[in-house]
Full PDB file with SEQRES, HELIX, SHEET, SSBOND, CRYST1, ORIGX, SCALE, CONECT and MASTER records, all heavy atoms in Angstrom:
SEQRES   1 A   37  TYR GLU LEU ASP ASN THR PRO VAL VAL GLU ILE TYR LYS          
SEQRES   2 A   37  LYS TYR LEU GLY ARG ASP ILE VAL ASP ASP LEU LEU PHE          
SEQRES   3 A   37  SER SER LEU ASP PHE PRO LEU ILE ILE LYS ARG                  
HELIX    1 AA1 VAL A    8  LEU A   16  1                                   9    
HELIX    2 AA2 ARG A   18  ASP A   22  1                                   5    
HELIX    3 AA3 LEU A   24  SER A   27  1                                   4    
HELIX    4 AA4 SER A   28  ASP A   30  5                                   3    
SHEET    1 AA1 2 GLU A   2  LEU A   3  0                                        
SHEET    2 AA1 2 THR A   6  PRO A   7 -1                                        
CRYST1    1.000    1.000    1.000  90.00  90.00  90.00 P 1           1          
ORIGX1      1.000000  0.000000  0.000000        0.00000                         
ORIGX2      0.000000  1.000000  0.000000        0.00000                         
ORIGX3      0.000000  0.000000  1.000000        0.00000                         
SCALE1      1.000000  0.000000  0.000000        0.00000                         
SCALE2      0.000000  1.000000  0.000000        0.00000                         
SCALE3      0.000000  0.000000  1.000000        0.00000                         
ATOM      1  N   TYR A   1      31.053 -35.726  58.314  1.00  0.00           N  
ATOM      2  CA  TYR A   1      30.244 -37.007  58.178  1.00  0.00           C  
ATOM      3  C   TYR A   1      29.841 -37.266  56.753  1.00  0.00           C  
ATOM      4  O   TYR A   1      29.908 -38.435  56.279  1.00  0.00           O  
ATOM      5  CB  TYR A   1      29.069 -36.879  59.033  1.00  0.00           C  
ATOM      6  CG  TYR A   1      29.337 -36.849  60.549  1.00  0.00           C  
ATOM      7  CD1 TYR A   1      29.483 -35.686  61.218  1.00  0.00           C  
ATOM      8  CD2 TYR A   1      29.465 -38.046  61.257  1.00  0.00           C  
ATOM      9  CE1 TYR A   1      29.765 -35.584  62.623  1.00  0.00           C  
ATOM     10  CE2 TYR A   1      29.674 -38.008  62.735  1.00  0.00           C  
ATOM     11  CZ  TYR A   1      29.860 -36.852  63.358  1.00  0.00           C  
ATOM     12  OH  TYR A   1      30.093 -36.766  64.684  1.00  0.00           O  
ATOM     13  N   GLU A   2      29.338 -36.248  56.070  1.00  0.00           N  
ATOM     14  CA  GLU A   2      28.764 -36.513  54.726  1.00  0.00           C  
ATOM     15  C   GLU A   2      29.229 -35.481  53.788  1.00  0.00           C  
ATOM     16  O   GLU A   2      29.310 -34.151  54.037  1.00  0.00           O  
ATOM     17  CB  GLU A   2      27.233 -36.533  54.801  1.00  0.00           C  
ATOM     18  CG  GLU A   2      26.737 -37.672  55.523  1.00  0.00           C  
ATOM     19  CD  GLU A   2      25.141 -37.691  55.623  1.00  0.00           C  
ATOM     20  OE1 GLU A   2      24.591 -36.827  54.976  1.00  0.00           O  
ATOM     21  OE2 GLU A   2      24.637 -38.716  56.182  1.00  0.00           O  
ATOM     22  N   LEU A   3      29.516 -35.813  52.488  1.00  0.00           N  
ATOM     23  CA  LEU A   3      29.563 -34.928  51.293  1.00  0.00           C  
ATOM     24  C   LEU A   3      28.489 -35.362  50.354  1.00  0.00           C  
ATOM     25  O   LEU A   3      28.435 -36.514  50.026  1.00  0.00           O  
ATOM     26  CB  LEU A   3      30.943 -35.000  50.716  1.00  0.00           C  
ATOM     27  CG  LEU A   3      32.126 -34.513  51.489  1.00  0.00           C  
ATOM     28  CD1 LEU A   3      33.387 -34.902  50.887  1.00  0.00           C  
ATOM     29  CD2 LEU A   3      32.057 -32.977  51.717  1.00  0.00           C  
ATOM     30  N   ASP A   4      27.783 -34.351  49.786  1.00  0.00           N  
ATOM     31  CA  ASP A   4      26.748 -34.692  48.892  1.00  0.00           C  
ATOM     32  C   ASP A   4      25.749 -35.845  49.405  1.00  0.00           C  
ATOM     33  O   ASP A   4      25.282 -36.713  48.821  1.00  0.00           O  
ATOM     34  CB  ASP A   4      27.264 -35.153  47.534  1.00  0.00           C  
ATOM     35  CG  ASP A   4      27.881 -34.067  46.716  1.00  0.00           C  
ATOM     36  OD1 ASP A   4      27.619 -32.887  47.120  1.00  0.00           O  
ATOM     37  OD2 ASP A   4      28.707 -34.293  45.773  1.00  0.00           O  
ATOM     38  N   ASN A   5      25.422 -35.651  50.677  1.00  0.00           N  
ATOM     39  CA  ASN A   5      24.518 -36.620  51.369  1.00  0.00           C  
ATOM     40  C   ASN A   5      24.989 -38.061  51.371  1.00  0.00           C  
ATOM     41  O   ASN A   5      24.256 -39.002  51.484  1.00  0.00           O  
ATOM     42  CB  ASN A   5      23.113 -36.456  50.806  1.00  0.00           C  
ATOM     43  CG  ASN A   5      22.535 -35.136  50.978  1.00  0.00           C  
ATOM     44  OD1 ASN A   5      22.479 -34.638  52.194  1.00  0.00           O  
ATOM     45  ND2 ASN A   5      22.131 -34.535  49.928  1.00  0.00           N  
ATOM     46  N   THR A   6      26.290 -38.312  51.137  1.00  0.00           N  
ATOM     47  CA  THR A   6      26.985 -39.540  51.192  1.00  0.00           C  
ATOM     48  C   THR A   6      28.008 -39.675  52.178  1.00  0.00           C  
ATOM     49  O   THR A   6      28.772 -38.655  52.389  1.00  0.00           O  
ATOM     50  CB  THR A   6      27.558 -39.846  49.718  1.00  0.00           C  
ATOM     51  OG1 THR A   6      26.591 -39.722  48.723  1.00  0.00           O  
ATOM     52  CG2 THR A   6      28.231 -41.223  49.762  1.00  0.00           C  
ATOM     53  N   PRO A   7      28.079 -40.772  52.983  1.00  0.00           N  
ATOM     54  CA  PRO A   7      29.137 -40.888  53.985  1.00  0.00           C  
ATOM     55  C   PRO A   7      30.536 -40.586  53.431  1.00  0.00           C  
ATOM     56  O   PRO A   7      30.888 -41.019  52.327  1.00  0.00           O  
ATOM     57  CB  PRO A   7      29.049 -42.364  54.456  1.00  0.00           C  
ATOM     58  CG  PRO A   7      27.580 -42.710  54.157  1.00  0.00           C  
ATOM     59  CD  PRO A   7      27.179 -41.979  52.970  1.00  0.00           C  
ATOM     60  N   VAL A   8      31.208 -39.712  54.152  1.00  0.00           N  
ATOM     61  CA  VAL A   8      32.471 -39.219  53.603  1.00  0.00           C  
ATOM     62  C   VAL A   8      33.485 -40.287  53.339  1.00  0.00           C  
ATOM     63  O   VAL A   8      34.224 -40.216  52.398  1.00  0.00           O  
ATOM     64  CB  VAL A   8      33.112 -38.185  54.609  1.00  0.00           C  
ATOM     65  CG1 VAL A   8      33.488 -38.708  55.981  1.00  0.00           C  
ATOM     66  CG2 VAL A   8      34.302 -37.374  53.950  1.00  0.00           C  
ATOM     67  N   VAL A   9      33.558 -41.317  54.180  1.00  0.00           N  
ATOM     68  CA  VAL A   9      34.377 -42.518  53.894  1.00  0.00           C  
ATOM     69  C   VAL A   9      34.088 -43.163  52.554  1.00  0.00           C  
ATOM     70  O   VAL A   9      35.000 -43.521  51.812  1.00  0.00           O  
ATOM     71  CB  VAL A   9      34.328 -43.526  55.062  1.00  0.00           C  
ATOM     72  CG1 VAL A   9      35.026 -44.813  54.676  1.00  0.00           C  
ATOM     73  CG2 VAL A   9      34.990 -42.965  56.341  1.00  0.00           C  
ATOM     74  N   GLU A  10      32.787 -43.247  52.205  1.00  0.00           N  
ATOM     75  CA  GLU A  10      32.511 -43.775  50.920  1.00  0.00           C  
ATOM     76  C   GLU A  10      32.965 -42.951  49.737  1.00  0.00           C  
ATOM     77  O   GLU A  10      33.309 -43.364  48.667  1.00  0.00           O  
ATOM     78  CB  GLU A  10      30.910 -43.930  50.781  1.00  0.00           C  
ATOM     79  CG  GLU A  10      30.337 -44.961  51.874  1.00  0.00           C  
ATOM     80  CD  GLU A  10      31.107 -46.362  51.705  1.00  0.00           C  
ATOM     81  OE1 GLU A  10      31.287 -46.755  50.537  1.00  0.00           O  
ATOM     82  OE2 GLU A  10      31.464 -46.942  52.682  1.00  0.00           O  
ATOM     83  N   ILE A  11      32.908 -41.596  50.009  1.00  0.00           N  
ATOM     84  CA  ILE A  11      33.402 -40.580  48.929  1.00  0.00           C  
ATOM     85  C   ILE A  11      34.887 -40.864  48.764  1.00  0.00           C  
ATOM     86  O   ILE A  11      35.392 -40.947  47.574  1.00  0.00           O  
ATOM     87  CB  ILE A  11      33.167 -39.175  49.452  1.00  0.00           C  
ATOM     88  CG1 ILE A  11      31.682 -38.899  49.326  1.00  0.00           C  
ATOM     89  CG2 ILE A  11      33.951 -38.181  48.428  1.00  0.00           C  
ATOM     90  CD1 ILE A  11      31.015 -38.686  48.007  1.00  0.00           C  
ATOM     91  N   TYR A  12      35.688 -41.048  49.859  1.00  0.00           N  
ATOM     92  CA  TYR A  12      37.140 -41.281  49.768  1.00  0.00           C  
ATOM     93  C   TYR A  12      37.303 -42.553  49.042  1.00  0.00           C  
ATOM     94  O   TYR A  12      38.221 -42.656  48.264  1.00  0.00           O  
ATOM     95  CB  TYR A  12      37.768 -41.249  51.098  1.00  0.00           C  
ATOM     96  CG  TYR A  12      38.249 -39.914  51.547  1.00  0.00           C  
ATOM     97  CD1 TYR A  12      37.305 -38.897  51.873  1.00  0.00           C  
ATOM     98  CD2 TYR A  12      39.584 -39.551  51.639  1.00  0.00           C  
ATOM     99  CE1 TYR A  12      37.694 -37.578  52.305  1.00  0.00           C  
ATOM    100  CE2 TYR A  12      40.043 -38.253  52.004  1.00  0.00           C  
ATOM    101  CZ  TYR A  12      39.115 -37.352  52.349  1.00  0.00           C  
ATOM    102  OH  TYR A  12      39.463 -36.043  52.649  1.00  0.00           O  
ATOM    103  N   LYS A  13      36.618 -43.582  49.418  1.00  0.00           N  
ATOM    104  CA  LYS A  13      36.838 -44.952  48.733  1.00  0.00           C  
ATOM    105  C   LYS A  13      36.537 -44.868  47.261  1.00  0.00           C  
ATOM    106  O   LYS A  13      37.211 -45.368  46.340  1.00  0.00           O  
ATOM    107  CB  LYS A  13      35.883 -45.967  49.390  1.00  0.00           C  
ATOM    108  CG  LYS A  13      36.334 -46.373  50.746  1.00  0.00           C  
ATOM    109  CD  LYS A  13      35.321 -47.348  51.437  1.00  0.00           C  
ATOM    110  CE  LYS A  13      35.678 -47.765  52.742  1.00  0.00           C  
ATOM    111  NZ  LYS A  13      34.656 -48.803  53.285  1.00  0.00           N  
ATOM    112  N   LYS A  14      35.399 -44.071  46.883  1.00  0.00           N  
ATOM    113  CA  LYS A  14      34.971 -43.983  45.527  1.00  0.00           C  
ATOM    114  C   LYS A  14      35.991 -43.294  44.618  1.00  0.00           C  
ATOM    115  O   LYS A  14      36.447 -43.785  43.479  1.00  0.00           O  
ATOM    116  CB  LYS A  14      33.714 -43.276  45.422  1.00  0.00           C  
ATOM    117  CG  LYS A  14      33.252 -43.024  43.962  1.00  0.00           C  
ATOM    118  CD  LYS A  14      31.880 -42.304  43.924  1.00  0.00           C  
ATOM    119  CE  LYS A  14      31.459 -42.063  42.528  1.00  0.00           C  
ATOM    120  NZ  LYS A  14      30.074 -41.344  42.499  1.00  0.00           N  
ATOM    121  N   TYR A  15      36.583 -42.193  45.146  1.00  0.00           N  
ATOM    122  CA  TYR A  15      37.525 -41.332  44.355  1.00  0.00           C  
ATOM    123  C   TYR A  15      38.971 -41.587  44.518  1.00  0.00           C  
ATOM    124  O   TYR A  15      39.820 -41.363  43.629  1.00  0.00           O  
ATOM    125  CB  TYR A  15      37.263 -39.894  44.549  1.00  0.00           C  
ATOM    126  CG  TYR A  15      35.836 -39.519  43.962  1.00  0.00           C  
ATOM    127  CD1 TYR A  15      34.880 -39.143  44.797  1.00  0.00           C  
ATOM    128  CD2 TYR A  15      35.567 -39.327  42.645  1.00  0.00           C  
ATOM    129  CE1 TYR A  15      33.605 -38.741  44.339  1.00  0.00           C  
ATOM    130  CE2 TYR A  15      34.338 -39.003  42.186  1.00  0.00           C  
ATOM    131  CZ  TYR A  15      33.357 -38.639  43.023  1.00  0.00           C  
ATOM    132  OH  TYR A  15      32.179 -38.255  42.516  1.00  0.00           O  
ATOM    133  N   LEU A  16      39.387 -42.106  45.762  1.00  0.00           N  
ATOM    134  CA  LEU A  16      40.762 -42.239  45.999  1.00  0.00           C  
ATOM    135  C   LEU A  16      41.141 -43.713  46.327  1.00  0.00           C  
ATOM    136  O   LEU A  16      42.432 -44.141  46.343  1.00  0.00           O  
ATOM    137  CB  LEU A  16      41.212 -41.426  47.193  1.00  0.00           C  
ATOM    138  CG  LEU A  16      40.928 -39.885  47.082  1.00  0.00           C  
ATOM    139  CD1 LEU A  16      41.401 -39.262  48.469  1.00  0.00           C  
ATOM    140  CD2 LEU A  16      41.668 -39.346  46.005  1.00  0.00           C  
ATOM    141  N   GLY A  17      40.181 -44.617  46.421  1.00  0.00           N  
ATOM    142  CA  GLY A  17      40.464 -46.000  46.735  1.00  0.00           C  
ATOM    143  C   GLY A  17      40.416 -46.401  48.146  1.00  0.00           C  
ATOM    144  O   GLY A  17      40.690 -45.547  49.051  1.00  0.00           O  
ATOM    145  N   ARG A  18      40.208 -47.629  48.465  1.00  0.00           N  
ATOM    146  CA  ARG A  18      40.136 -48.258  49.768  1.00  0.00           C  
ATOM    147  C   ARG A  18      41.442 -48.036  50.588  1.00  0.00           C  
ATOM    148  O   ARG A  18      41.446 -47.819  51.775  1.00  0.00           O  
ATOM    149  CB  ARG A  18      39.700 -49.695  49.732  1.00  0.00           C  
ATOM    150  CG  ARG A  18      39.450 -50.212  51.171  1.00  0.00           C  
ATOM    151  CD  ARG A  18      38.944 -51.684  50.980  1.00  0.00           C  
ATOM    152  NE  ARG A  18      37.708 -51.703  50.302  1.00  0.00           N  
ATOM    153  CZ  ARG A  18      36.546 -51.569  50.942  1.00  0.00           C  
ATOM    154  NH1 ARG A  18      36.472 -51.445  52.276  1.00  0.00           N  
ATOM    155  NH2 ARG A  18      35.343 -51.681  50.273  1.00  0.00           N  
ATOM    156  N   ASP A  19      42.579 -48.194  49.844  1.00  0.00           N  
ATOM    157  CA  ASP A  19      43.853 -48.153  50.594  1.00  0.00           C  
ATOM    158  C   ASP A  19      44.064 -46.729  51.278  1.00  0.00           C  
ATOM    159  O   ASP A  19      44.772 -46.702  52.331  1.00  0.00           O  
ATOM    160  CB  ASP A  19      45.029 -48.379  49.661  1.00  0.00           C  
ATOM    161  CG  ASP A  19      45.018 -49.788  49.113  1.00  0.00           C  
ATOM    162  OD1 ASP A  19      44.417 -50.588  49.751  1.00  0.00           O  
ATOM    163  OD2 ASP A  19      45.684 -50.084  48.094  1.00  0.00           O  
ATOM    164  N   ILE A  20      43.567 -45.642  50.647  1.00  0.00           N  
ATOM    165  CA  ILE A  20      43.751 -44.309  51.241  1.00  0.00           C  
ATOM    166  C   ILE A  20      43.064 -44.281  52.607  1.00  0.00           C  
ATOM    167  O   ILE A  20      43.578 -43.712  53.619  1.00  0.00           O  
ATOM    168  CB  ILE A  20      43.065 -43.252  50.296  1.00  0.00           C  
ATOM    169  CG1 ILE A  20      43.991 -43.106  49.029  1.00  0.00           C  
ATOM    170  CG2 ILE A  20      42.953 -41.935  51.033  1.00  0.00           C  
ATOM    171  CD1 ILE A  20      45.280 -42.371  49.301  1.00  0.00           C  
ATOM    172  N   VAL A  21      41.804 -44.839  52.722  1.00  0.00           N  
ATOM    173  CA  VAL A  21      41.126 -44.874  54.037  1.00  0.00           C  
ATOM    174  C   VAL A  21      41.727 -45.730  54.991  1.00  0.00           C  
ATOM    175  O   VAL A  21      41.861 -45.297  56.170  1.00  0.00           O  
ATOM    176  CB  VAL A  21      39.646 -45.272  53.745  1.00  0.00           C  
ATOM    177  CG1 VAL A  21      38.933 -45.369  55.048  1.00  0.00           C  
ATOM    178  CG2 VAL A  21      38.967 -44.394  52.742  1.00  0.00           C  
ATOM    179  N   ASP A  22      42.318 -46.832  54.569  1.00  0.00           N  
ATOM    180  CA  ASP A  22      42.989 -47.773  55.569  1.00  0.00           C  
ATOM    181  C   ASP A  22      44.215 -47.134  56.111  1.00  0.00           C  
ATOM    182  O   ASP A  22      44.666 -47.460  57.270  1.00  0.00           O  
ATOM    183  CB  ASP A  22      43.264 -49.107  54.821  1.00  0.00           C  
ATOM    184  CG  ASP A  22      42.056 -49.917  54.480  1.00  0.00           C  
ATOM    185  OD1 ASP A  22      40.976 -49.562  54.997  1.00  0.00           O  
ATOM    186  OD2 ASP A  22      42.077 -50.742  53.585  1.00  0.00           O  
ATOM    187  N   ASP A  23      44.943 -46.311  55.429  1.00  0.00           N  
ATOM    188  CA  ASP A  23      46.138 -45.716  55.780  1.00  0.00           C  
ATOM    189  C   ASP A  23      45.944 -44.244  55.874  1.00  0.00           C  
ATOM    190  O   ASP A  23      46.724 -43.438  55.289  1.00  0.00           O  
ATOM    191  CB  ASP A  23      47.385 -46.124  54.852  1.00  0.00           C  
ATOM    192  CG  ASP A  23      48.631 -45.616  55.448  1.00  0.00           C  
ATOM    193  OD1 ASP A  23      48.796 -45.424  56.701  1.00  0.00           O  
ATOM    194  OD2 ASP A  23      49.552 -45.450  54.585  1.00  0.00           O  
ATOM    195  N   LEU A  24      44.916 -43.763  56.547  1.00  0.00           N  
ATOM    196  CA  LEU A  24      44.401 -42.367  56.348  1.00  0.00           C  
ATOM    197  C   LEU A  24      45.325 -41.335  56.816  1.00  0.00           C  
ATOM    198  O   LEU A  24      45.592 -40.328  56.088  1.00  0.00           O  
ATOM    199  CB  LEU A  24      43.104 -42.275  57.245  1.00  0.00           C  
ATOM    200  CG  LEU A  24      42.307 -41.009  57.130  1.00  0.00           C  
ATOM    201  CD1 LEU A  24      41.652 -41.011  55.765  1.00  0.00           C  
ATOM    202  CD2 LEU A  24      41.368 -40.845  58.179  1.00  0.00           C  
ATOM    203  N   LEU A  25      45.998 -41.484  57.932  1.00  0.00           N  
ATOM    204  CA  LEU A  25      46.817 -40.390  58.593  1.00  0.00           C  
ATOM    205  C   LEU A  25      47.796 -39.803  57.615  1.00  0.00           C  
ATOM    206  O   LEU A  25      48.053 -38.725  57.459  1.00  0.00           O  
ATOM    207  CB  LEU A  25      47.487 -40.803  59.835  1.00  0.00           C  
ATOM    208  CG  LEU A  25      48.425 -39.842  60.463  1.00  0.00           C  
ATOM    209  CD1 LEU A  25      47.557 -38.572  60.888  1.00  0.00           C  
ATOM    210  CD2 LEU A  25      49.033 -40.365  61.810  1.00  0.00           C  
ATOM    211  N   PHE A  26      48.486 -40.733  56.845  1.00  0.00           N  
ATOM    212  CA  PHE A  26      49.510 -40.319  55.937  1.00  0.00           C  
ATOM    213  C   PHE A  26      49.040 -40.235  54.520  1.00  0.00           C  
ATOM    214  O   PHE A  26      49.331 -39.214  53.849  1.00  0.00           O  
ATOM    215  CB  PHE A  26      50.715 -41.249  56.074  1.00  0.00           C  
ATOM    216  CG  PHE A  26      51.326 -41.242  57.474  1.00  0.00           C  
ATOM    217  CD1 PHE A  26      51.210 -42.224  58.214  1.00  0.00           C  
ATOM    218  CD2 PHE A  26      52.007 -40.071  57.933  1.00  0.00           C  
ATOM    219  CE1 PHE A  26      51.806 -42.237  59.604  1.00  0.00           C  
ATOM    220  CE2 PHE A  26      52.561 -39.954  59.159  1.00  0.00           C  
ATOM    221  CZ  PHE A  26      52.535 -41.084  60.036  1.00  0.00           C  
ATOM    222  N   SER A  27      48.360 -41.072  54.036  1.00  0.00           N  
ATOM    223  CA  SER A  27      47.972 -41.249  52.597  1.00  0.00           C  
ATOM    224  C   SER A  27      47.006 -40.143  52.172  1.00  0.00           C  
ATOM    225  O   SER A  27      47.207 -39.539  51.119  1.00  0.00           O  
ATOM    226  CB  SER A  27      47.312 -42.559  52.262  1.00  0.00           C  
ATOM    227  OG  SER A  27      48.229 -43.677  52.501  1.00  0.00           O  
ATOM    228  N   SER A  28      46.075 -39.880  52.934  1.00  0.00           N  
ATOM    229  CA  SER A  28      45.055 -38.839  52.550  1.00  0.00           C  
ATOM    230  C   SER A  28      45.633 -37.410  52.497  1.00  0.00           C  
ATOM    231  O   SER A  28      45.012 -36.501  51.877  1.00  0.00           O  
ATOM    232  CB  SER A  28      43.780 -38.834  53.536  1.00  0.00           C  
ATOM    233  OG  SER A  28      44.191 -38.382  54.802  1.00  0.00           O  
ATOM    234  N   LEU A  29      46.744 -37.180  53.220  1.00  0.00           N  
ATOM    235  CA  LEU A  29      47.396 -35.813  53.201  1.00  0.00           C  
ATOM    236  C   LEU A  29      47.755 -35.417  51.749  1.00  0.00           C  
ATOM    237  O   LEU A  29      47.874 -34.223  51.502  1.00  0.00           O  
ATOM    238  CB  LEU A  29      48.456 -35.737  54.124  1.00  0.00           C  
ATOM    239  CG  LEU A  29      48.121 -35.789  55.673  1.00  0.00           C  
ATOM    240  CD1 LEU A  29      49.388 -35.751  56.488  1.00  0.00           C  
ATOM    241  CD2 LEU A  29      47.230 -34.606  56.032  1.00  0.00           C  
ATOM    242  N   ASP A  30      48.106 -36.448  50.967  1.00  0.00           N  
ATOM    243  CA  ASP A  30      48.404 -36.129  49.566  1.00  0.00           C  
ATOM    244  C   ASP A  30      47.236 -35.505  48.799  1.00  0.00           C  
ATOM    245  O   ASP A  30      47.468 -34.962  47.736  1.00  0.00           O  
ATOM    246  CB  ASP A  30      48.858 -37.453  48.848  1.00  0.00           C  
ATOM    247  CG  ASP A  30      50.277 -37.790  49.282  1.00  0.00           C  
ATOM    248  OD1 ASP A  30      51.154 -36.973  49.138  1.00  0.00           O  
ATOM    249  OD2 ASP A  30      50.507 -38.967  49.749  1.00  0.00           O  
ATOM    250  N   PHE A  31      46.073 -35.743  49.262  1.00  0.00           N  
ATOM    251  CA  PHE A  31      44.812 -35.255  48.565  1.00  0.00           C  
ATOM    252  C   PHE A  31      43.824 -34.554  49.541  1.00  0.00           C  
ATOM    253  O   PHE A  31      42.731 -34.991  49.756  1.00  0.00           O  
ATOM    254  CB  PHE A  31      44.041 -36.488  47.915  1.00  0.00           C  
ATOM    255  CG  PHE A  31      44.895 -37.285  46.991  1.00  0.00           C  
ATOM    256  CD1 PHE A  31      45.537 -38.486  47.413  1.00  0.00           C  
ATOM    257  CD2 PHE A  31      45.101 -36.956  45.676  1.00  0.00           C  
ATOM    258  CE1 PHE A  31      46.373 -39.152  46.638  1.00  0.00           C  
ATOM    259  CE2 PHE A  31      45.881 -37.690  44.841  1.00  0.00           C  
ATOM    260  CZ  PHE A  31      46.488 -38.834  45.285  1.00  0.00           C  
ATOM    261  N   PRO A  32      44.307 -33.420  49.997  1.00  0.00           N  
ATOM    262  CA  PRO A  32      43.462 -32.667  51.001  1.00  0.00           C  
ATOM    263  C   PRO A  32      42.211 -32.179  50.181  1.00  0.00           C  
ATOM    264  O   PRO A  32      42.232 -31.885  48.970  1.00  0.00           O  
ATOM    265  CB  PRO A  32      44.316 -31.624  51.500  1.00  0.00           C  
ATOM    266  CG  PRO A  32      45.324 -31.279  50.345  1.00  0.00           C  
ATOM    267  CD  PRO A  32      45.617 -32.691  49.831  1.00  0.00           C  
ATOM    268  N   LEU A  33      41.180 -31.801  51.012  1.00  0.00           N  
ATOM    269  CA  LEU A  33      40.043 -31.134  50.506  1.00  0.00           C  
ATOM    270  C   LEU A  33      40.312 -29.704  50.488  1.00  0.00           C  
ATOM    271  O   LEU A  33      40.923 -29.131  51.323  1.00  0.00           O  
ATOM    272  CB  LEU A  33      38.798 -31.408  51.404  1.00  0.00           C  
ATOM    273  CG  LEU A  33      38.280 -32.840  51.417  1.00  0.00           C  
ATOM    274  CD1 LEU A  33      37.120 -33.003  52.322  1.00  0.00           C  
ATOM    275  CD2 LEU A  33      37.859 -33.230  49.942  1.00  0.00           C  
ATOM    276  N   ILE A  34      39.898 -29.004  49.417  1.00  0.00           N  
ATOM    277  CA  ILE A  34      40.084 -27.554  49.250  1.00  0.00           C  
ATOM    278  C   ILE A  34      38.679 -26.812  49.341  1.00  0.00           C  
ATOM    279  O   ILE A  34      37.650 -27.240  48.617  1.00  0.00           O  
ATOM    280  CB  ILE A  34      40.677 -27.247  47.868  1.00  0.00           C  
ATOM    281  CG1 ILE A  34      42.151 -27.849  47.876  1.00  0.00           C  
ATOM    282  CG2 ILE A  34      40.734 -25.757  47.632  1.00  0.00           C  
ATOM    283  CD1 ILE A  34      43.155 -27.095  48.583  1.00  0.00           C  
ATOM    284  N   ILE A  35      38.714 -25.892  50.180  1.00  0.00           N  
ATOM    285  CA  ILE A  35      37.451 -24.984  50.303  1.00  0.00           C  
ATOM    286  C   ILE A  35      37.899 -23.562  49.730  1.00  0.00           C  
ATOM    287  O   ILE A  35      38.965 -23.115  50.117  1.00  0.00           O  
ATOM    288  CB  ILE A  35      37.062 -24.681  51.728  1.00  0.00           C  
ATOM    289  CG1 ILE A  35      37.119 -26.061  52.561  1.00  0.00           C  
ATOM    290  CG2 ILE A  35      35.749 -24.131  51.844  1.00  0.00           C  
ATOM    291  CD1 ILE A  35      37.040 -25.758  54.113  1.00  0.00           C  
ATOM    292  N   LYS A  36      37.001 -22.930  49.006  1.00  0.00           N  
ATOM    293  CA  LYS A  36      37.274 -21.661  48.503  1.00  0.00           C  
ATOM    294  C   LYS A  36      36.337 -20.688  49.361  1.00  0.00           C  
ATOM    295  O   LYS A  36      35.138 -20.789  49.155  1.00  0.00           O  
ATOM    296  CB  LYS A  36      37.029 -21.449  47.026  1.00  0.00           C  
ATOM    297  CG  LYS A  36      37.375 -20.124  46.514  1.00  0.00           C  
ATOM    298  CD  LYS A  36      37.366 -20.086  44.921  1.00  0.00           C  
ATOM    299  CE  LYS A  36      37.767 -18.690  44.531  1.00  0.00           C  
ATOM    300  NZ  LYS A  36      37.714 -18.566  43.048  1.00  0.00           N  
ATOM    301  N   ARG A  37      36.936 -19.874  50.104  1.00  0.00           N  
ATOM    302  CA  ARG A  37      36.219 -18.891  50.882  1.00  0.00           C  
ATOM    303  C   ARG A  37      36.702 -17.533  50.375  1.00  0.00           C  
ATOM    304  O   ARG A  37      37.883 -17.170  50.670  1.00  0.00           O  
ATOM    305  CB  ARG A  37      36.304 -18.997  52.387  1.00  0.00           C  
ATOM    306  CG  ARG A  37      35.618 -20.325  52.926  1.00  0.00           C  
ATOM    307  CD  ARG A  37      35.727 -20.430  54.352  1.00  0.00           C  
ATOM    308  NE  ARG A  37      35.028 -21.659  54.755  1.00  0.00           N  
ATOM    309  CZ  ARG A  37      35.319 -22.302  55.982  1.00  0.00           C  
ATOM    310  NH1 ARG A  37      36.291 -21.853  56.742  1.00  0.00           N  
ATOM    311  NH2 ARG A  37      34.669 -23.411  56.227  1.00  0.00           N  
TER     312      ARG A  37                                                      
MASTER        0    0    0    4    2    0    0    6  311    1    0    3          
END                                                                             
């Protein structure tokens, strides 16, 4: 839901652009989130 207390969709729009969110299933896979555990 949120990253840095900001709605996650707004984070994607801010850094990757609105088009990524509109075509989420395929476009966002190019920029996955990375967790270090």
